[in-house]
Amino acid sequence: MSKVIEISDSQFENEVIKENQTVLSYFWASWCGPCRLVSPSINWVAENYHDRLKVVKLEVDASPDSVALCKVEGVPAFRIFKQGKIVASYEGAIGKDKLKEFVDTSI
């Protein structure tokens, strides 16, 4: 079972902004080819970092408020939150090693 939590705009404040744990927010779209390539790496991060990082994913078309709040301009997109603030951002396809490095330098 995946440790990635699927959320939408209505859950964003409670699941991300008010969360005490560091959160990786993954923005994706069903029509996005690179998103399908990144998904296994997102699942890997959720499995291997679950003790220190919460991983959520938001479908961009269904979550316009969160997309605007996080200034997402393209997908896939990644935002790392600590205490309700964005501390790291990345947009575009990313390999597992680079994603691991992005997470490691941000948590």
PDB file of N, CA and C in Angstrom:
ATOM      1  N   MET A   1       0.839  -1.188   0.000  1.00  0.00           N
ATOM      2  CA  MET A   1       0.000   0.000   0.000  1.00  0.00           C
ATOM      3  C   MET A   1       0.883   1.251   0.000  1.00  0.00           C
ATOM      4  N   SER A   2       0.536   2.193  -0.847  1.00  0.00           N
ATOM      5  CA  SER A   2       1.334   3.415  -0.973  1.00  0.00           C
ATOM      6  C   SER A   2       1.165   4.305   0.255  1.00  0.00           C
ATOM      7  N   LYS A   3       2.242   4.948   0.636  1.00  0.00           N
ATOM      8  CA  LYS A   3       2.210   5.899   1.741  1.00  0.00           C
ATOM      9  C   LYS A   3       1.978   7.323   1.233  1.00  0.00           C
ATOM     10  N   VAL A   4       1.758   7.469  -0.075  1.00  0.00           N
ATOM     11  CA  VAL A   4       1.447   8.772  -0.656  1.00  0.00           C
ATOM     12  C   VAL A   4      -0.035   9.054  -0.401  1.00  0.00           C
ATOM     13  N   ILE A   5      -0.319  10.227   0.147  1.00  0.00           N
ATOM     14  CA  ILE A   5      -1.690  10.601   0.484  1.00  0.00           C
ATOM     15  C   ILE A   5      -2.228  11.513  -0.622  1.00  0.00           C
ATOM     16  N   GLU A   6      -3.316  11.100  -1.265  1.00  0.00           N
ATOM     17  CA  GLU A   6      -3.935  11.933  -2.299  1.00  0.00           C
ATOM     18  C   GLU A   6      -4.871  12.924  -1.629  1.00  0.00           C
ATOM     19  N   ILE A   7      -4.654  14.203  -1.916  1.00  0.00           N
ATOM     20  CA  ILE A   7      -5.492  15.251  -1.331  1.00  0.00           C
ATOM     21  C   ILE A   7      -5.953  16.216  -2.421  1.00  0.00           C
ATOM     22  N   SER A   8      -6.851  17.135  -2.029  1.00  0.00           N
ATOM     23  CA  SER A   8      -7.311  18.189  -2.933  1.00  0.00           C
ATOM     24  C   SER A   8      -7.321  19.510  -2.153  1.00  0.00           C
ATOM     25  N   ASP A   9      -7.808  20.556  -2.789  1.00  0.00           N
ATOM     26  CA  ASP A   9      -7.805  21.880  -2.167  1.00  0.00           C
ATOM     27  C   ASP A   9      -8.405  21.884  -0.762  1.00  0.00           C
ATOM     28  N   SER A  10      -9.514  21.176  -0.578  1.00  0.00           N
ATOM     29  CA  SER A  10     -10.214  21.225   0.706  1.00  0.00           C
ATOM     30  C   SER A  10      -9.392  20.640   1.853  1.00  0.00           C
ATOM     31  N   GLN A  11      -8.420  19.795   1.548  1.00  0.00           N
ATOM     32  CA  GLN A  11      -7.590  19.162   2.575  1.00  0.00           C
ATOM     33  C   GLN A  11      -6.218  19.810   2.716  1.00  0.00           C
ATOM     34  N   PHE A  12      -5.856  20.705   1.798  1.00  0.00           N
ATOM     35  CA  PHE A  12      -4.498  21.233   1.738  1.00  0.00           C
ATOM     36  C   PHE A  12      -4.067  21.925   3.035  1.00  0.00           C
ATOM     37  N   GLU A  13      -4.931  22.747   3.586  1.00  0.00           N
ATOM     38  CA  GLU A  13      -4.544  23.474   4.796  1.00  0.00           C
ATOM     39  C   GLU A  13      -4.225  22.515   5.948  1.00  0.00           C
ATOM     40  N   ASN A  14      -5.103  21.548   6.188  1.00  0.00           N
ATOM     41  CA  ASN A  14      -4.882  20.615   7.301  1.00  0.00           C
ATOM     42  C   ASN A  14      -3.743  19.637   7.035  1.00  0.00           C
ATOM     43  N   GLU A  15      -3.647  19.134   5.811  1.00  0.00           N
ATOM     44  CA  GLU A  15      -2.659  18.098   5.495  1.00  0.00           C
ATOM     45  C   GLU A  15      -1.255  18.654   5.239  1.00  0.00           C
ATOM     46  N   VAL A  16      -1.168  19.926   4.859  1.00  0.00           N
ATOM     47  CA  VAL A  16       0.136  20.512   4.495  1.00  0.00           C
ATOM     48  C   VAL A  16       0.483  21.722   5.366  1.00  0.00           C
ATOM     49  N   ILE A  17      -0.324  22.758   5.322  1.00  0.00           N
ATOM     50  CA  ILE A  17      -0.009  24.015   6.000  1.00  0.00           C
ATOM     51  C   ILE A  17       0.059  23.846   7.519  1.00  0.00           C
ATOM     52  N   LYS A  18      -0.904  23.150   8.091  1.00  0.00           N
ATOM     53  CA  LYS A  18      -0.951  22.994   9.550  1.00  0.00           C
ATOM     54  C   LYS A  18      -0.186  21.778  10.061  1.00  0.00           C
ATOM     55  N   GLU A  19       0.408  21.019   9.170  1.00  0.00           N
ATOM     56  CA  GLU A  19       1.137  19.796   9.536  1.00  0.00           C
ATOM     57  C   GLU A  19       2.441  20.147  10.255  1.00  0.00           C
ATOM     58  N   ASN A  20       2.718  19.464  11.356  1.00  0.00           N
ATOM     59  CA  ASN A  20       3.972  19.674  12.093  1.00  0.00           C
ATOM     60  C   ASN A  20       5.152  19.005  11.406  1.00  0.00           C
ATOM     61  N   GLN A  21       4.903  17.904  10.729  1.00  0.00           N
ATOM     62  CA  GLN A  21       5.952  17.166  10.030  1.00  0.00           C
ATOM     63  C   GLN A  21       6.269  17.863   8.696  1.00  0.00           C
ATOM     64  N   THR A  22       7.479  17.714   8.208  1.00  0.00           N
ATOM     65  CA  THR A  22       7.852  18.221   6.890  1.00  0.00           C
ATOM     66  C   THR A  22       7.007  17.500   5.842  1.00  0.00           C
ATOM     67  N   VAL A  23       6.547  18.237   4.826  1.00  0.00           N
ATOM     68  CA  VAL A  23       5.656  17.678   3.811  1.00  0.00           C
ATOM     69  C   VAL A  23       6.222  17.911   2.412  1.00  0.00           C
ATOM     70  N   LEU A  24       6.253  16.852   1.611  1.00  0.00           N
ATOM     71  CA  LEU A  24       6.546  16.959   0.183  1.00  0.00           C
ATOM     72  C   LEU A  24       5.206  16.943  -0.537  1.00  0.00           C
ATOM     73  N   SER A  25       4.884  18.039  -1.222  1.00  0.00           N
ATOM     74  CA  SER A  25       3.663  18.125  -2.018  1.00  0.00           C
ATOM     75  C   SER A  25       4.050  17.908  -3.475  1.00  0.00           C
ATOM     76  N   TYR A  26       3.433  16.911  -4.070  1.00  0.00           N
ATOM     77  CA  TYR A  26       3.701  16.535  -5.458  1.00  0.00           C
ATOM     78  C   TYR A  26       2.483  16.906  -6.292  1.00  0.00           C
ATOM     79  N   PHE A  27       2.666  17.813  -7.242  1.00  0.00           N
ATOM     80  CA  PHE A  27       1.596  18.255  -8.125  1.00  0.00           C
ATOM     81  C   PHE A  27       1.727  17.519  -9.454  1.00  0.00           C
ATOM     82  N   TRP A  28       0.631  16.925  -9.904  1.00  0.00           N
ATOM     83  CA  TRP A  28       0.674  16.080 -11.093  1.00  0.00           C
ATOM     84  C   TRP A  28      -0.623  16.254 -11.893  1.00  0.00           C
ATOM     85  N   ALA A  29      -0.653  15.648 -13.066  1.00  0.00           N
ATOM     86  CA  ALA A  29      -1.862  15.632 -13.900  1.00  0.00           C
ATOM     87  C   ALA A  29      -1.935  14.303 -14.638  1.00  0.00           C
ATOM     88  N   SER A  30      -3.150  13.812 -14.838  1.00  0.00           N
ATOM     89  CA  SER A  30      -3.336  12.522 -15.515  1.00  0.00           C
ATOM     90  C   SER A  30      -2.867  12.579 -16.966  1.00  0.00           C
ATOM     91  N   TRP A  31      -2.913  13.754 -17.577  1.00  0.00           N
ATOM     92  CA  TRP A  31      -2.515  13.914 -18.972  1.00  0.00           C
ATOM     93  C   TRP A  31      -1.007  14.170 -19.130  1.00  0.00           C
ATOM     94  N   CYS A  32      -0.267  14.178 -18.029  1.00  0.00           N
ATOM     95  CA  CYS A  32       1.162  14.527 -18.027  1.00  0.00           C
ATOM     96  C   CYS A  32       2.030  13.273 -18.119  1.00  0.00           C
ATOM     97  N   GLY A  33       2.674  13.080 -19.265  1.00  0.00           N
ATOM     98  CA  GLY A  33       3.561  11.932 -19.445  1.00  0.00           C
ATOM     99  C   GLY A  33       4.705  11.884 -18.439  1.00  0.00           C
ATOM    100  N   PRO A  34       5.442  12.987 -18.241  1.00  0.00           N
ATOM    101  CA  PRO A  34       6.531  12.971 -17.260  1.00  0.00           C
ATOM    102  C   PRO A  34       6.054  12.633 -15.838  1.00  0.00           C
ATOM    103  N   CYS A  35       4.810  12.991 -15.517  1.00  0.00           N
ATOM    104  CA  CYS A  35       4.276  12.662 -14.186  1.00  0.00           C
ATOM    105  C   CYS A  35       4.227  11.142 -13.986  1.00  0.00           C
ATOM    106  N   ARG A  36       3.861  10.427 -15.035  1.00  0.00           N
ATOM    107  CA  ARG A  36       3.816   8.954 -14.936  1.00  0.00           C
ATOM    108  C   ARG A  36       5.212   8.386 -14.714  1.00  0.00           C
ATOM    109  N   LEU A  37       6.209   9.025 -15.267  1.00  0.00           N
ATOM    110  CA  LEU A  37       7.587   8.566 -15.078  1.00  0.00           C
ATOM    111  C   LEU A  37       8.086   8.849 -13.663  1.00  0.00           C
ATOM    112  N   VAL A  38       7.619   9.933 -13.065  1.00  0.00           N
ATOM    113  CA  VAL A  38       8.067  10.356 -11.737  1.00  0.00           C
ATOM    114  C   VAL A  38       7.355   9.584 -10.616  1.00  0.00           C
ATOM    115  N   SER A  39       6.140   9.130 -10.859  1.00  0.00           N
ATOM    116  CA  SER A  39       5.326   8.505  -9.807  1.00  0.00           C
ATOM    117  C   SER A  39       6.028   7.385  -9.033  1.00  0.00           C
ATOM    118  N   PRO A  40       6.750   6.465  -9.682  1.00  0.00           N
ATOM    119  CA  PRO A  40       7.436   5.432  -8.893  1.00  0.00           C
ATOM    120  C   PRO A  40       8.469   6.024  -7.915  1.00  0.00           C
ATOM    121  N   SER A  41       9.120   7.096  -8.301  1.00  0.00           N
ATOM    122  CA  SER A  41      10.094   7.733  -7.410  1.00  0.00           C
ATOM    123  C   SER A  41       9.398   8.398  -6.231  1.00  0.00           C
ATOM    124  N   ILE A  42       8.233   8.973  -6.469  1.00  0.00           N
ATOM    125  CA  ILE A  42       7.449   9.576  -5.383  1.00  0.00           C
ATOM    126  C   ILE A  42       7.054   8.490  -4.389  1.00  0.00           C
ATOM    127  N   ASN A  43       6.604   7.355  -4.902  1.00  0.00           N
ATOM    128  CA  ASN A  43       6.246   6.237  -4.023  1.00  0.00           C
ATOM    129  C   ASN A  43       7.456   5.760  -3.232  1.00  0.00           C
ATOM    130  N   TRP A  44       8.619   5.726  -3.872  1.00  0.00           N
ATOM    131  CA  TRP A  44       9.850   5.310  -3.198  1.00  0.00           C
ATOM    132  C   TRP A  44      10.195   6.262  -2.052  1.00  0.00           C
ATOM    133  N   VAL A  45      10.081   7.567  -2.299  1.00  0.00           N
ATOM    134  CA  VAL A  45      10.349   8.555  -1.244  1.00  0.00           C
ATOM    135  C   VAL A  45       9.372   8.358  -0.089  1.00  0.00           C
ATOM    136  N   ALA A  46       8.097   8.184  -0.408  1.00  0.00           N
ATOM    137  CA  ALA A  46       7.084   8.006   0.643  1.00  0.00           C
ATOM    138  C   ALA A  46       7.385   6.767   1.488  1.00  0.00           C
ATOM    139  N   GLU A  47       7.816   5.690   0.848  1.00  0.00           N
ATOM    140  CA  GLU A  47       8.147   4.453   1.569  1.00  0.00           C
ATOM    141  C   GLU A  47       9.386   4.616   2.445  1.00  0.00           C
ATOM    142  N   ASN A  48      10.400   5.257   1.913  1.00  0.00           N
ATOM    143  CA  ASN A  48      11.697   5.303   2.578  1.00  0.00           C
ATOM    144  C   ASN A  48      11.903   6.484   3.529  1.00  0.00           C
ATOM    145  N   TYR A  49      11.048   7.494   3.434  1.00  0.00           N
ATOM    146  CA  TYR A  49      11.189   8.676   4.285  1.00  0.00           C
ATOM    147  C   TYR A  49       9.977   8.885   5.194  1.00  0.00           C
ATOM    148  N   HIS A  50       9.079   7.914   5.259  1.00  0.00           N
ATOM    149  CA  HIS A  50       7.817   8.090   5.976  1.00  0.00           C
ATOM    150  C   HIS A  50       8.000   8.452   7.444  1.00  0.00           C
ATOM    151  N   ASP A  51       9.148   8.132   8.021  1.00  0.00           N
ATOM    152  CA  ASP A  51       9.381   8.452   9.425  1.00  0.00           C
ATOM    153  C   ASP A  51       9.720   9.930   9.646  1.00  0.00           C
ATOM    154  N   ARG A  52      10.066  10.657   8.587  1.00  0.00           N
ATOM    155  CA  ARG A  52      10.446  12.061   8.734  1.00  0.00           C
ATOM    156  C   ARG A  52       9.871  12.983   7.665  1.00  0.00           C
ATOM    157  N   LEU A  53       9.051  12.428   6.777  1.00  0.00           N
ATOM    158  CA  LEU A  53       8.501  13.221   5.684  1.00  0.00           C
ATOM    159  C   LEU A  53       7.130  12.678   5.300  1.00  0.00           C
ATOM    160  N   LYS A  54       6.160  13.563   5.253  1.00  0.00           N
ATOM    161  CA  LYS A  54       4.823  13.202   4.771  1.00  0.00           C
ATOM    162  C   LYS A  54       4.788  13.536   3.285  1.00  0.00           C
ATOM    163  N   VAL A  55       4.250  12.637   2.473  1.00  0.00           N
ATOM    164  CA  VAL A  55       4.176  12.868   1.027  1.00  0.00           C
ATOM    165  C   VAL A  55       2.707  12.925   0.612  1.00  0.00           C
ATOM    166  N   VAL A  56       2.335  14.056   0.000  1.00  0.00           N
ATOM    167  CA  VAL A  56       0.977  14.215  -0.521  1.00  0.00           C
ATOM    168  C   VAL A  56       1.052  14.502  -2.012  1.00  0.00           C
ATOM    169  N   LYS A  57      -0.005  14.120  -2.727  1.00  0.00           N
ATOM    170  CA  LYS A  57      -0.062  14.437  -4.148  1.00  0.00           C
ATOM    171  C   LYS A  57      -1.387  15.097  -4.456  1.00  0.00           C
ATOM    172  N   LEU A  58      -1.315  16.082  -5.331  1.00  0.00           N
ATOM    173  CA  LEU A  58      -2.495  16.844  -5.733  1.00  0.00           C
ATOM    174  C   LEU A  58      -2.596  16.853  -7.245  1.00  0.00           C
ATOM    175  N   GLU A  59      -3.762  16.519  -7.746  1.00  0.00           N
ATOM    176  CA  GLU A  59      -4.020  16.586  -9.175  1.00  0.00           C
ATOM    177  C   GLU A  59      -4.306  18.051  -9.490  1.00  0.00           C
ATOM    178  N   VAL A  60      -3.533  18.655 -10.376  1.00  0.00           N
ATOM    179  CA  VAL A  60      -3.588  20.107 -10.578  1.00  0.00           C
ATOM    180  C   VAL A  60      -4.943  20.616 -11.071  1.00  0.00           C
ATOM    181  N   ASP A  61      -5.583  19.887 -11.964  1.00  0.00           N
ATOM    182  CA  ASP A  61      -6.856  20.365 -12.509  1.00  0.00           C
ATOM    183  C   ASP A  61      -7.947  20.399 -11.438  1.00  0.00           C
ATOM    184  N   ALA A  62      -7.850  19.525 -10.446  1.00  0.00           N
ATOM    185  CA  ALA A  62      -8.854  19.462  -9.374  1.00  0.00           C
ATOM    186  C   ALA A  62      -8.475  20.324  -8.166  1.00  0.00           C
ATOM    187  N   SER A  63      -7.303  20.931  -8.195  1.00  0.00           N
ATOM    188  CA  SER A  63      -6.808  21.691  -7.027  1.00  0.00           C
ATOM    189  C   SER A  63      -6.269  23.068  -7.418  1.00  0.00           C
ATOM    190  N   PRO A  64      -7.084  23.901  -8.069  1.00  0.00           N
ATOM    191  CA  PRO A  64      -6.580  25.192  -8.554  1.00  0.00           C
ATOM    192  C   PRO A  64      -6.131  26.139  -7.442  1.00  0.00           C
ATOM    193  N   ASP A  65      -6.759  26.080  -6.280  1.00  0.00           N
ATOM    194  CA  ASP A  65      -6.371  26.983  -5.196  1.00  0.00           C
ATOM    195  C   ASP A  65      -4.973  26.655  -4.681  1.00  0.00           C
ATOM    196  N   SER A  66      -4.686  25.371  -4.501  1.00  0.00           N
ATOM    197  CA  SER A  66      -3.361  24.944  -4.029  1.00  0.00           C
ATOM    198  C   SER A  66      -2.297  25.238  -5.085  1.00  0.00           C
ATOM    199  N   VAL A  67      -2.651  25.043  -6.350  1.00  0.00           N
ATOM    200  CA  VAL A  67      -1.735  25.349  -7.452  1.00  0.00           C
ATOM    201  C   VAL A  67      -1.364  26.827  -7.420  1.00  0.00           C
ATOM    202  N   ALA A  68      -2.360  27.687  -7.231  1.00  0.00           N
ATOM    203  CA  ALA A  68      -2.105  29.133  -7.179  1.00  0.00           C
ATOM    204  C   ALA A  68      -1.283  29.503  -5.948  1.00  0.00           C
ATOM    205  N   LEU A  69      -1.642  28.951  -4.793  1.00  0.00           N
ATOM    206  CA  LEU A  69      -0.931  29.237  -3.553  1.00  0.00           C
ATOM    207  C   LEU A  69       0.548  28.864  -3.663  1.00  0.00           C
ATOM    208  N   CYS A  70       0.828  27.740  -4.300  1.00  0.00           N
ATOM    209  CA  CYS A  70       2.204  27.240  -4.424  1.00  0.00           C
ATOM    210  C   CYS A  70       2.902  27.724  -5.688  1.00  0.00           C
ATOM    211  N   LYS A  71       2.202  28.564  -6.469  1.00  0.00           N
ATOM    212  CA  LYS A  71       2.770  29.127  -7.690  1.00  0.00           C
ATOM    213  C   LYS A  71       3.307  28.040  -8.641  1.00  0.00           C
ATOM    214  N   VAL A  72       2.517  26.980  -8.802  1.00  0.00           N
ATOM    215  CA  VAL A  72       2.883  25.894  -9.704  1.00  0.00           C
ATOM    216  C   VAL A  72       2.636  26.363 -11.134  1.00  0.00           C
ATOM    217  N   GLU A  73       3.676  26.293 -11.962  1.00  0.00           N
ATOM    218  CA  GLU A  73       3.572  26.741 -13.347  1.00  0.00           C
ATOM    219  C   GLU A  73       3.605  25.595 -14.343  1.00  0.00           C
ATOM    220  N   GLY A  74       4.046  24.423 -13.909  1.00  0.00           N
ATOM    221  CA  GLY A  74       4.091  23.260 -14.785  1.00  0.00           C
ATOM    222  C   GLY A  74       4.120  22.006 -13.945  1.00  0.00           C
ATOM    223  N   VAL A  75       3.842  20.885 -14.574  1.00  0.00           N
ATOM    224  CA  VAL A  75       3.867  19.606 -13.859  1.00  0.00           C
ATOM    225  C   VAL A  75       4.826  18.654 -14.555  1.00  0.00           C
ATOM    226  N   PRO A  76       5.411  17.748 -13.802  1.00  0.00           N
ATOM    227  CA  PRO A  76       5.293  17.596 -12.362  1.00  0.00           C
ATOM    228  C   PRO A  76       5.977  18.739 -11.606  1.00  0.00           C
ATOM    229  N   ALA A  77       5.462  18.999 -10.404  1.00  0.00           N
ATOM    230  CA  ALA A  77       6.031  20.038  -9.554  1.00  0.00           C
ATOM    231  C   ALA A  77       6.108  19.522  -8.121  1.00  0.00           C
ATOM    232  N   PHE A  78       7.104  20.001  -7.409  1.00  0.00           N
ATOM    233  CA  PHE A  78       7.364  19.539  -6.047  1.00  0.00           C
ATOM    234  C   PHE A  78       7.567  20.743  -5.146  1.00  0.00           C
ATOM    235  N   ARG A  79       6.933  20.729  -3.977  1.00  0.00           N
ATOM    236  CA  ARG A  79       7.135  21.762  -2.974  1.00  0.00           C
ATOM    237  C   ARG A  79       7.357  21.070  -1.643  1.00  0.00           C
ATOM    238  N   ILE A  80       8.376  21.489  -0.933  1.00  0.00           N
ATOM    239  CA  ILE A  80       8.613  20.958   0.411  1.00  0.00           C
ATOM    240  C   ILE A  80       8.236  22.048   1.408  1.00  0.00           C
ATOM    241  N   PHE A  81       7.376  21.674   2.345  1.00  0.00           N
ATOM    242  CA  PHE A  81       6.881  22.589   3.379  1.00  0.00           C
ATOM    243  C   PHE A  81       7.435  22.207   4.736  1.00  0.00           C
ATOM    244  N   LYS A  82       7.828  23.222   5.484  1.00  0.00           N
ATOM    245  CA  LYS A  82       8.178  23.071   6.900  1.00  0.00           C
ATOM    246  C   LYS A  82       7.415  24.137   7.647  1.00  0.00           C
ATOM    247  N   GLN A  83       6.657  23.718   8.636  1.00  0.00           N
ATOM    248  CA  GLN A  83       5.873  24.632   9.469  1.00  0.00           C
ATOM    249  C   GLN A  83       5.042  25.587   8.615  1.00  0.00           C
ATOM    250  N   GLY A  84       4.413  25.056   7.576  1.00  0.00           N
ATOM    251  CA  GLY A  84       3.504  25.826   6.750  1.00  0.00           C
ATOM    252  C   GLY A  84       4.134  26.701   5.689  1.00  0.00           C
ATOM    253  N   LYS A  85       5.441  26.678   5.561  1.00  0.00           N
ATOM    254  CA  LYS A  85       6.145  27.524   4.595  1.00  0.00           C
ATOM    255  C   LYS A  85       6.891  26.659   3.566  1.00  0.00           C
ATOM    256  N   ILE A  86       6.898  27.124   2.327  1.00  0.00           N
ATOM    257  CA  ILE A  86       7.656  26.434   1.286  1.00  0.00           C
ATOM    258  C   ILE A  86       9.140  26.688   1.526  1.00  0.00           C
ATOM    259  N   VAL A  87       9.920  25.603   1.651  1.00  0.00           N
ATOM    260  CA  VAL A  87      11.361  25.738   1.855  1.00  0.00           C
ATOM    261  C   VAL A  87      12.166  25.272   0.640  1.00  0.00           C
ATOM    262  N   ALA A  88      11.498  24.560  -0.281  1.00  0.00           N
ATOM    263  CA  ALA A  88      12.178  24.101  -1.491  1.00  0.00           C
ATOM    264  C   ALA A  88      11.143  23.872  -2.589  1.00  0.00           C
ATOM    265  N   SER A  89      11.538  24.162  -3.836  1.00  0.00           N
ATOM    266  CA  SER A  89      10.656  23.994  -4.992  1.00  0.00           C
ATOM    267  C   SER A  89      11.436  23.378  -6.137  1.00  0.00           C
ATOM    268  N   TYR A  90      10.721  22.584  -6.923  1.00  0.00           N
ATOM    269  CA  TYR A  90      11.306  22.033  -8.144  1.00  0.00           C
ATOM    270  C   TYR A  90      10.162  21.787  -9.112  1.00  0.00           C
ATOM    271  N   GLU A  91      10.380  22.100 -10.379  1.00  0.00           N
ATOM    272  CA  GLU A  91       9.390  21.801 -11.407  1.00  0.00           C
ATOM    273  C   GLU A  91      10.063  21.066 -12.548  1.00  0.00           C
ATOM    274  N   GLY A  92       9.361  20.069 -13.064  1.00  0.00           N
ATOM    275  CA  GLY A  92       9.855  19.283 -14.181  1.00  0.00           C
ATOM    276  C   GLY A  92      10.139  17.856 -13.767  1.00  0.00           C
ATOM    277  N   ALA A  93      10.318  17.016 -14.770  1.00  0.00           N
ATOM    278  CA  ALA A  93      10.626  15.616 -14.509  1.00  0.00           C
ATOM    279  C   ALA A  93      11.954  15.517 -13.768  1.00  0.00           C
ATOM    280  N   ILE A  94      12.024  14.569 -12.861  1.00  0.00           N
ATOM    281  CA  ILE A  94      13.211  14.415 -12.030  1.00  0.00           C
ATOM    282  C   ILE A  94      13.421  12.926 -11.784  1.00  0.00           C
ATOM    283  N   GLY A  95      14.648  12.489 -11.905  1.00  0.00           N
ATOM    284  CA  GLY A  95      14.964  11.086 -11.651  1.00  0.00           C
ATOM    285  C   GLY A  95      15.013  10.791 -10.161  1.00  0.00           C
ATOM    286  N   LYS A  96      15.017   9.522  -9.838  1.00  0.00           N
ATOM    287  CA  LYS A  96      15.003   9.110  -8.433  1.00  0.00           C
ATOM    288  C   LYS A  96      16.195   9.659  -7.662  1.00  0.00           C
ATOM    289  N   ASP A  97      17.397   9.610  -8.234  1.00  0.00           N
ATOM    290  CA  ASP A  97      18.586  10.107  -7.531  1.00  0.00           C
ATOM    291  C   ASP A  97      18.491  11.603  -7.261  1.00  0.00           C
ATOM    292  N   LYS A  98      18.043  12.369  -8.251  1.00  0.00           N
ATOM    293  CA  LYS A  98      17.905  13.820  -8.078  1.00  0.00           C
ATOM    294  C   LYS A  98      16.786  14.146  -7.093  1.00  0.00           C
ATOM    295  N   LEU A  99      15.708  13.372  -7.130  1.00  0.00           N
ATOM    296  CA  LEU A  99      14.614  13.578  -6.181  1.00  0.00           C
ATOM    297  C   LEU A  99      15.102  13.294  -4.758  1.00  0.00           C
ATOM    298  N   LYS A 100      15.857  12.240  -4.591  1.00  0.00           N
ATOM    299  CA  LYS A 100      16.422  11.906  -3.282  1.00  0.00           C
ATOM    300  C   LYS A 100      17.306  13.053  -2.797  1.00  0.00           C
ATOM    301  N   GLU A 101      18.149  13.582  -3.674  1.00  0.00           N
ATOM    302  CA  GLU A 101      19.025  14.706  -3.324  1.00  0.00           C
ATOM    303  C   GLU A 101      18.204  15.946  -2.953  1.00  0.00           C
ATOM    304  N   PHE A 102      17.148  16.239  -3.718  1.00  0.00           N
ATOM    305  CA  PHE A 102      16.253  17.362  -3.443  1.00  0.00           C
ATOM    306  C   PHE A 102      15.635  17.222  -2.045  1.00  0.00           C
ATOM    307  N   VAL A 103      15.163  16.025  -1.735  1.00  0.00           N
ATOM    308  CA  VAL A 103      14.544  15.770  -0.426  1.00  0.00           C
ATOM    309  C   VAL A 103      15.598  15.846   0.689  1.00  0.00           C
ATOM    310  N   ASP A 104      16.732  15.179   0.475  1.00  0.00           N
ATOM    311  CA  ASP A 104      17.781  15.137   1.508  1.00  0.00           C
ATOM    312  C   ASP A 104      18.275  16.527   1.889  1.00  0.00           C
ATOM    313  N   THR A 105      18.376  17.437   0.934  1.00  0.00           N
ATOM    314  CA  THR A 105      18.892  18.770   1.235  1.00  0.00           C
ATOM    315  C   THR A 105      17.818  19.677   1.820  1.00  0.00           C
ATOM    316  N   SER A 106      16.579  19.199   1.869  1.00  0.00           N
ATOM    317  CA  SER A 106      15.461  20.040   2.308  1.00  0.00           C
ATOM    318  C   SER A 106      14.828  19.625   3.631  1.00  0.00           C
ATOM    319  N   ILE A 107      15.121  18.399   4.082  1.00  0.00           N
ATOM    320  CA  ILE A 107      14.461  17.957   5.332  1.00  0.00           C
ATOM    321  C   ILE A 107      15.418  17.998   6.513  1.00  0.00           C
TER     322      ILE A 107
END
